[in-house]
Amino acid sequence: LGVTSAVGFVWFAFAGAALAAAVVFSFGHAQ
């Protein structure tokens, strides 16, 4: 997407972190 600024990274970083945590809790069955 050609994002190069720290400001531009923010929402992608937030979305990536949220998606990773959601995947872990979904497949980890909260154990």
PDB file of all heavy atoms in Angstrom:
ATOM      1  N   LEU A   1       0.804  -1.216   0.000  1.00  0.00           N
ATOM      2  CA  LEU A   1       0.000   0.000   0.000  1.00  0.00           C
ATOM      3  C   LEU A   1       0.841   1.271   0.000  1.00  0.00           C
ATOM      4  O   LEU A   1       0.299   2.368  -0.067  1.00  0.00           O
ATOM      5  CB  LEU A   1      -0.949   0.008   1.209  1.00  0.00           C
ATOM      6  CG  LEU A   1      -1.956  -1.147   1.265  1.00  0.00           C
ATOM      7  CD1 LEU A   1      -2.808  -1.048   2.530  1.00  0.00           C
ATOM      8  CD2 LEU A   1      -2.840  -1.157   0.024  1.00  0.00           C
ATOM      9  N   GLY A   2       2.153   1.114   0.124  1.00  0.00           N
ATOM     10  CA  GLY A   2       3.032   2.277   0.058  1.00  0.00           C
ATOM     11  C   GLY A   2       3.018   3.154   1.287  1.00  0.00           C
ATOM     12  O   GLY A   2       3.423   4.326   1.221  1.00  0.00           O
ATOM     13  N   VAL A   3       2.570   2.651   2.420  1.00  0.00           N
ATOM     14  CA  VAL A   3       2.558   3.431   3.659  1.00  0.00           C
ATOM     15  C   VAL A   3       3.997   3.564   4.162  1.00  0.00           C
ATOM     16  O   VAL A   3       4.723   2.580   4.266  1.00  0.00           O
ATOM     17  CB  VAL A   3       1.696   2.749   4.734  1.00  0.00           C
ATOM     18  CG1 VAL A   3       1.718   3.550   6.028  1.00  0.00           C
ATOM     19  CG2 VAL A   3       0.268   2.589   4.231  1.00  0.00           C
ATOM     20  N   THR A   4       4.407   4.785   4.489  1.00  0.00           N
ATOM     21  CA  THR A   4       5.794   5.000   4.913  1.00  0.00           C
ATOM     22  C   THR A   4       5.933   5.786   6.209  1.00  0.00           C
ATOM     23  O   THR A   4       7.021   5.826   6.777  1.00  0.00           O
ATOM     24  CB  THR A   4       6.588   5.751   3.820  1.00  0.00           C
ATOM     25  OG1 THR A   4       5.936   6.999   3.536  1.00  0.00           O
ATOM     26  CG2 THR A   4       6.680   4.929   2.551  1.00  0.00           C
ATOM     27  N   SER A   5       4.872   6.412   6.677  1.00  0.00           N
ATOM     28  CA  SER A   5       4.982   7.256   7.869  1.00  0.00           C
ATOM     29  C   SER A   5       4.570   6.493   9.114  1.00  0.00           C
ATOM     30  O   SER A   5       3.788   5.540   9.063  1.00  0.00           O
ATOM     31  CB  SER A   5       4.103   8.501   7.727  1.00  0.00           C
ATOM     32  OG  SER A   5       2.739   8.133   7.733  1.00  0.00           O
ATOM     33  N   ALA A   6       5.095   6.944  10.266  1.00  0.00           N
ATOM     34  CA  ALA A   6       4.729   6.330  11.536  1.00  0.00           C
ATOM     35  C   ALA A   6       3.237   6.482  11.801  1.00  0.00           C
ATOM     36  O   ALA A   6       2.594   5.595  12.366  1.00  0.00           O
ATOM     37  CB  ALA A   6       5.539   6.968  12.675  1.00  0.00           C
ATOM     38  N   VAL A   7       2.673   7.615  11.382  1.00  0.00           N
ATOM     39  CA  VAL A   7       1.234   7.833  11.557  1.00  0.00           C
ATOM     40  C   VAL A   7       0.445   6.825  10.728  1.00  0.00           C
ATOM     41  O   VAL A   7      -0.572   6.274  11.172  1.00  0.00           O
ATOM     42  CB  VAL A   7       0.862   9.274  11.152  1.00  0.00           C
ATOM     43  CG1 VAL A   7      -0.646   9.465  11.208  1.00  0.00           C
ATOM     44  CG2 VAL A   7       1.563  10.269  12.060  1.00  0.00           C
ATOM     45  N   GLY A   8       0.924   6.551   9.535  1.00  0.00           N
ATOM     46  CA  GLY A   8       0.240   5.596   8.681  1.00  0.00           C
ATOM     47  C   GLY A   8       0.296   4.172   9.187  1.00  0.00           C
ATOM     48  O   GLY A   8      -0.597   3.354   8.924  1.00  0.00           O
ATOM     49  N   PHE A   9       1.374   3.838   9.934  1.00  0.00           N
ATOM     50  CA  PHE A   9       1.510   2.487  10.452  1.00  0.00           C
ATOM     51  C   PHE A   9       0.482   2.167  11.530  1.00  0.00           C
ATOM     52  O   PHE A   9       0.179   0.997  11.773  1.00  0.00           O
ATOM     53  CB  PHE A   9       2.900   2.286  11.075  1.00  0.00           C
ATOM     54  CG  PHE A   9       4.034   2.409  10.100  1.00  0.00           C
ATOM     55  CD1 PHE A   9       5.307   2.739  10.544  1.00  0.00           C
ATOM     56  CD2 PHE A   9       3.836   2.203   8.746  1.00  0.00           C
ATOM     57  CE1 PHE A   9       6.357   2.847   9.657  1.00  0.00           C
ATOM     58  CE2 PHE A   9       4.878   2.314   7.851  1.00  0.00           C
ATOM     59  CZ  PHE A   9       6.141   2.642   8.298  1.00  0.00           C
ATOM     60  N   VAL A  10      -0.035   3.183  12.207  1.00  0.00           N
ATOM     61  CA  VAL A  10      -0.784   2.987  13.447  1.00  0.00           C
ATOM     62  C   VAL A  10      -1.950   2.020  13.286  1.00  0.00           C
ATOM     63  O   VAL A  10      -2.070   1.033  14.014  1.00  0.00           O
ATOM     64  CB  VAL A  10      -1.286   4.349  13.986  1.00  0.00           C
ATOM     65  CG1 VAL A  10      -2.324   4.140  15.071  1.00  0.00           C
ATOM     66  CG2 VAL A  10      -0.118   5.152  14.529  1.00  0.00           C
ATOM     67  N   TRP A  11      -2.818   2.312  12.329  1.00  0.00           N
ATOM     68  CA  TRP A  11      -4.043   1.520  12.236  1.00  0.00           C
ATOM     69  C   TRP A  11      -3.766   0.117  11.732  1.00  0.00           C
ATOM     70  O   TRP A  11      -4.462  -0.835  12.110  1.00  0.00           O
ATOM     71  CB  TRP A  11      -5.056   2.237  11.357  1.00  0.00           C
ATOM     72  CG  TRP A  11      -5.409   3.574  11.930  1.00  0.00           C
ATOM     73  CD1 TRP A  11      -5.108   4.801  11.415  1.00  0.00           C
ATOM     74  CD2 TRP A  11      -6.085   3.819  13.173  1.00  0.00           C
ATOM     75  NE1 TRP A  11      -5.563   5.789  12.243  1.00  0.00           N
ATOM     76  CE2 TRP A  11      -6.161   5.216  13.331  1.00  0.00           C
ATOM     77  CE3 TRP A  11      -6.627   2.993  14.150  1.00  0.00           C
ATOM     78  CZ2 TRP A  11      -6.762   5.810  14.439  1.00  0.00           C
ATOM     79  CZ3 TRP A  11      -7.225   3.575  15.258  1.00  0.00           C
ATOM     80  CH2 TRP A  11      -7.293   4.960  15.387  1.00  0.00           C
ATOM     81  N   PHE A  12      -2.756  -0.035  10.892  1.00  0.00           N
ATOM     82  CA  PHE A  12      -2.392  -1.383  10.447  1.00  0.00           C
ATOM     83  C   PHE A  12      -1.801  -2.187  11.603  1.00  0.00           C
ATOM     84  O   PHE A  12      -2.086  -3.388  11.749  1.00  0.00           O
ATOM     85  CB  PHE A  12      -1.391  -1.295   9.287  1.00  0.00           C
ATOM     86  CG  PHE A  12      -1.981  -0.713   8.033  1.00  0.00           C
ATOM     87  CD1 PHE A  12      -1.796   0.619   7.718  1.00  0.00           C
ATOM     88  CD2 PHE A  12      -2.750  -1.499   7.182  1.00  0.00           C
ATOM     89  CE1 PHE A  12      -2.352   1.170   6.577  1.00  0.00           C
ATOM     90  CE2 PHE A  12      -3.311  -0.960   6.033  1.00  0.00           C
ATOM     91  CZ  PHE A  12      -3.112   0.373   5.735  1.00  0.00           C
ATOM     92  N   ALA A  13      -0.976  -1.539  12.423  1.00  0.00           N
ATOM     93  CA  ALA A  13      -0.417  -2.222  13.584  1.00  0.00           C
ATOM     94  C   ALA A  13      -1.517  -2.628  14.554  1.00  0.00           C
ATOM     95  O   ALA A  13      -1.521  -3.745  15.089  1.00  0.00           O
ATOM     96  CB  ALA A  13       0.606  -1.320  14.278  1.00  0.00           C
ATOM     97  N   PHE A  14      -2.465  -1.729  14.772  1.00  0.00           N
ATOM     98  CA  PHE A  14      -3.570  -2.029  15.684  1.00  0.00           C
ATOM     99  C   PHE A  14      -4.397  -3.197  15.143  1.00  0.00           C
ATOM    100  O   PHE A  14      -4.752  -4.129  15.887  1.00  0.00           O
ATOM    101  CB  PHE A  14      -4.460  -0.797  15.845  1.00  0.00           C
ATOM    102  CG  PHE A  14      -5.468  -0.909  16.952  1.00  0.00           C
ATOM    103  CD1 PHE A  14      -5.209  -0.384  18.201  1.00  0.00           C
ATOM    104  CD2 PHE A  14      -6.676  -1.546  16.753  1.00  0.00           C
ATOM    105  CE1 PHE A  14      -6.132  -0.487  19.232  1.00  0.00           C
ATOM    106  CE2 PHE A  14      -7.609  -1.663  17.765  1.00  0.00           C
ATOM    107  CZ  PHE A  14      -7.335  -1.127  19.019  1.00  0.00           C
ATOM    108  N   ALA A  15      -4.704  -3.160  13.857  1.00  0.00           N
ATOM    109  CA  ALA A  15      -5.513  -4.229  13.264  1.00  0.00           C
ATOM    110  C   ALA A  15      -4.769  -5.564  13.307  1.00  0.00           C
ATOM    111  O   ALA A  15      -5.368  -6.608  13.610  1.00  0.00           O
ATOM    112  CB  ALA A  15      -5.872  -3.865  11.819  1.00  0.00           C
ATOM    113  N   GLY A  16      -3.464  -5.549  13.012  1.00  0.00           N
ATOM    114  CA  GLY A  16      -2.689  -6.784  13.042  1.00  0.00           C
ATOM    115  C   GLY A  16      -2.602  -7.375  14.437  1.00  0.00           C
ATOM    116  O   GLY A  16      -2.739  -8.593  14.621  1.00  0.00           O
ATOM    117  N   ALA A  17      -2.390  -6.512  15.434  1.00  0.00           N
ATOM    118  CA  ALA A  17      -2.326  -6.983  16.820  1.00  0.00           C
ATOM    119  C   ALA A  17      -3.668  -7.556  17.257  1.00  0.00           C
ATOM    120  O   ALA A  17      -3.737  -8.615  17.903  1.00  0.00           O
ATOM    121  CB  ALA A  17      -1.913  -5.833  17.735  1.00  0.00           C
ATOM    122  N   ALA A  18      -4.751  -6.868  16.910  1.00  0.00           N
ATOM    123  CA  ALA A  18      -6.085  -7.332  17.298  1.00  0.00           C
ATOM    124  C   ALA A  18      -6.420  -8.654  16.625  1.00  0.00           C
ATOM    125  O   ALA A  18      -6.960  -9.576  17.261  1.00  0.00           O
ATOM    126  CB  ALA A  18      -7.122  -6.266  16.934  1.00  0.00           C
ATOM    127  N   LEU A  19      -6.098  -8.782  15.345  1.00  0.00           N
ATOM    128  CA  LEU A  19      -6.401 -10.015  14.625  1.00  0.00           C
ATOM    129  C   LEU A  19      -5.608 -11.191  15.182  1.00  0.00           C
ATOM    130  O   LEU A  19      -6.148 -12.297  15.345  1.00  0.00           O
ATOM    131  CB  LEU A  19      -6.098  -9.830  13.134  1.00  0.00           C
ATOM    132  CG  LEU A  19      -6.411 -11.026  12.232  1.00  0.00           C
ATOM    133  CD1 LEU A  19      -7.895 -11.370  12.307  1.00  0.00           C
ATOM    134  CD2 LEU A  19      -6.003 -10.729  10.793  1.00  0.00           C
ATOM    135  N   ALA A  20      -4.336 -10.951  15.503  1.00  0.00           N
ATOM    136  CA  ALA A  20      -3.509 -12.028  16.071  1.00  0.00           C
ATOM    137  C   ALA A  20      -4.072 -12.505  17.398  1.00  0.00           C
ATOM    138  O   ALA A  20      -4.191 -13.718  17.641  1.00  0.00           O
ATOM    139  CB  ALA A  20      -2.077 -11.535  16.246  1.00  0.00           C
ATOM    140  N   ALA A  21      -4.421 -11.561  18.278  1.00  0.00           N
ATOM    141  CA  ALA A  21      -4.987 -11.952  19.576  1.00  0.00           C
ATOM    142  C   ALA A  21      -6.311 -12.674  19.399  1.00  0.00           C
ATOM    143  O   ALA A  21      -6.599 -13.654  20.110  1.00  0.00           O
ATOM    144  CB  ALA A  21      -5.162 -10.714  20.452  1.00  0.00           C
ATOM    145  N   ALA A  22      -7.141 -12.215  18.457  1.00  0.00           N
ATOM    146  CA  ALA A  22      -8.427 -12.865  18.226  1.00  0.00           C
ATOM    147  C   ALA A  22      -8.241 -14.297  17.731  1.00  0.00           C
ATOM    148  O   ALA A  22      -8.950 -15.221  18.163  1.00  0.00           O
ATOM    149  CB  ALA A  22      -9.234 -12.058  17.208  1.00  0.00           C
ATOM    150  N   VAL A  23      -7.281 -14.515  16.844  1.00  0.00           N
ATOM    151  CA  VAL A  23      -7.004 -15.865  16.345  1.00  0.00           C
ATOM    152  C   VAL A  23      -6.538 -16.773  17.475  1.00  0.00           C
ATOM    153  O   VAL A  23      -6.997 -17.914  17.611  1.00  0.00           O
ATOM    154  CB  VAL A  23      -5.948 -15.812  15.221  1.00  0.00           C
ATOM    155  CG1 VAL A  23      -5.430 -17.207  14.902  1.00  0.00           C
ATOM    156  CG2 VAL A  23      -6.532 -15.171  13.974  1.00  0.00           C
ATOM    157  N   VAL A  24      -5.642 -16.270  18.309  1.00  0.00           N
ATOM    158  CA  VAL A  24      -5.116 -17.089  19.405  1.00  0.00           C
ATOM    159  C   VAL A  24      -6.229 -17.484  20.368  1.00  0.00           C
ATOM    160  O   VAL A  24      -6.336 -18.647  20.783  1.00  0.00           O
ATOM    161  CB  VAL A  24      -4.001 -16.332  20.151  1.00  0.00           C
ATOM    162  CG1 VAL A  24      -3.611 -17.060  21.435  1.00  0.00           C
ATOM    163  CG2 VAL A  24      -2.779 -16.195  19.254  1.00  0.00           C
ATOM    164  N   PHE A  25      -7.083 -16.546  20.734  1.00  0.00           N
ATOM    165  CA  PHE A  25      -8.149 -16.859  21.678  1.00  0.00           C
ATOM    166  C   PHE A  25      -9.235 -17.730  21.038  1.00  0.00           C
ATOM    167  O   PHE A  25      -9.895 -18.510  21.729  1.00  0.00           O
ATOM    168  CB  PHE A  25      -8.755 -15.576  22.245  1.00  0.00           C
ATOM    169  CG  PHE A  25      -8.037 -15.073  23.465  1.00  0.00           C
ATOM    170  CD1 PHE A  25      -6.884 -14.316  23.336  1.00  0.00           C
ATOM    171  CD2 PHE A  25      -8.489 -15.374  24.741  1.00  0.00           C
ATOM    172  CE1 PHE A  25      -6.202 -13.862  24.450  1.00  0.00           C
ATOM    173  CE2 PHE A  25      -7.817 -14.931  25.857  1.00  0.00           C
ATOM    174  CZ  PHE A  25      -6.675 -14.178  25.722  1.00  0.00           C
ATOM    175  N   SER A  26      -9.420 -17.614  19.740  1.00  0.00           N
ATOM    176  CA  SER A  26     -10.416 -18.454  19.069  1.00  0.00           C
ATOM    177  C   SER A  26      -9.968 -19.907  19.012  1.00  0.00           C
ATOM    178  O   SER A  26     -10.735 -20.823  19.338  1.00  0.00           O
ATOM    179  CB  SER A  26     -10.671 -17.937  17.649  1.00  0.00           C
ATOM    180  OG  SER A  26     -11.222 -16.646  17.677  1.00  0.00           O
ATOM    181  N   PHE A  27      -8.718 -20.124  18.613  1.00  0.00           N
ATOM    182  CA  PHE A  27      -8.224 -21.487  18.479  1.00  0.00           C
ATOM    183  C   PHE A  27      -7.681 -22.050  19.789  1.00  0.00           C
ATOM    184  O   PHE A  27      -7.533 -23.258  19.930  1.00  0.00           O
ATOM    185  CB  PHE A  27      -7.131 -21.549  17.402  1.00  0.00           C
ATOM    186  CG  PHE A  27      -7.661 -21.385  16.012  1.00  0.00           C
ATOM    187  CD1 PHE A  27      -7.688 -20.138  15.407  1.00  0.00           C
ATOM    188  CD2 PHE A  27      -8.153 -22.470  15.302  1.00  0.00           C
ATOM    189  CE1 PHE A  27      -8.183 -19.972  14.123  1.00  0.00           C
ATOM    190  CE2 PHE A  27      -8.653 -22.319  14.014  1.00  0.00           C
ATOM    191  CZ  PHE A  27      -8.673 -21.070  13.429  1.00  0.00           C
ATOM    192  N   GLY A  28      -7.372 -21.162  20.738  1.00  0.00           N
ATOM    193  CA  GLY A  28      -6.867 -21.631  22.023  1.00  0.00           C
ATOM    194  C   GLY A  28      -7.952 -22.052  22.973  1.00  0.00           C
ATOM    195  O   GLY A  28      -7.666 -22.593  24.052  1.00  0.00           O
ATOM    196  N   HIS A  29      -9.224 -21.832  22.593  1.00  0.00           N
ATOM    197  CA  HIS A  29     -10.368 -22.248  23.411  1.00  0.00           C
ATOM    198  C   HIS A  29     -10.268 -21.735  24.848  1.00  0.00           C
ATOM    199  O   HIS A  29     -10.749 -22.376  25.784  1.00  0.00           O
ATOM    200  CB  HIS A  29     -10.511 -23.773  23.409  1.00  0.00           C
ATOM    201  CG  HIS A  29     -10.681 -24.346  22.042  1.00  0.00           C
ATOM    202  ND1 HIS A  29     -11.811 -24.135  21.270  1.00  0.00           N
ATOM    203  CD2 HIS A  29      -9.837 -25.107  21.277  1.00  0.00           C
ATOM    204  CE1 HIS A  29     -11.665 -24.756  20.111  1.00  0.00           C
ATOM    205  NE2 HIS A  29     -10.492 -25.339  20.083  1.00  0.00           N
ATOM    206  N   ALA A  30      -9.604 -20.575  25.022  1.00  0.00           N
ATOM    207  CA  ALA A  30      -9.519 -19.907  26.321  1.00  0.00           C
ATOM    208  C   ALA A  30      -8.897 -20.785  27.404  1.00  0.00           C
ATOM    209  O   ALA A  30      -9.187 -20.629  28.592  1.00  0.00           O
ATOM    210  CB  ALA A  30     -10.901 -19.433  26.757  1.00  0.00           C
ATOM    211  N   GLN A  31      -8.019 -21.710  27.012  1.00  0.00           N
ATOM    212  CA  GLN A  31      -7.328 -22.552  27.989  1.00  0.00           C
ATOM    213  C   GLN A  31      -5.861 -22.123  28.062  1.00  0.00           C
ATOM    214  O   GLN A  31      -5.229 -21.913  27.019  1.00  0.00           O
ATOM    215  CB  GLN A  31      -7.423 -24.030  27.590  1.00  0.00           C
ATOM    216  CG  GLN A  31      -8.846 -24.567  27.549  1.00  0.00           C
ATOM    217  CD  GLN A  31      -9.545 -24.473  28.885  1.00  0.00           C
ATOM    218  OE1 GLN A  31      -8.961 -24.766  29.929  1.00  0.00           O
ATOM    219  NE2 GLN A  31     -10.802 -24.044  28.868  1.00  0.00           N
TER     220      GLN A  31
END
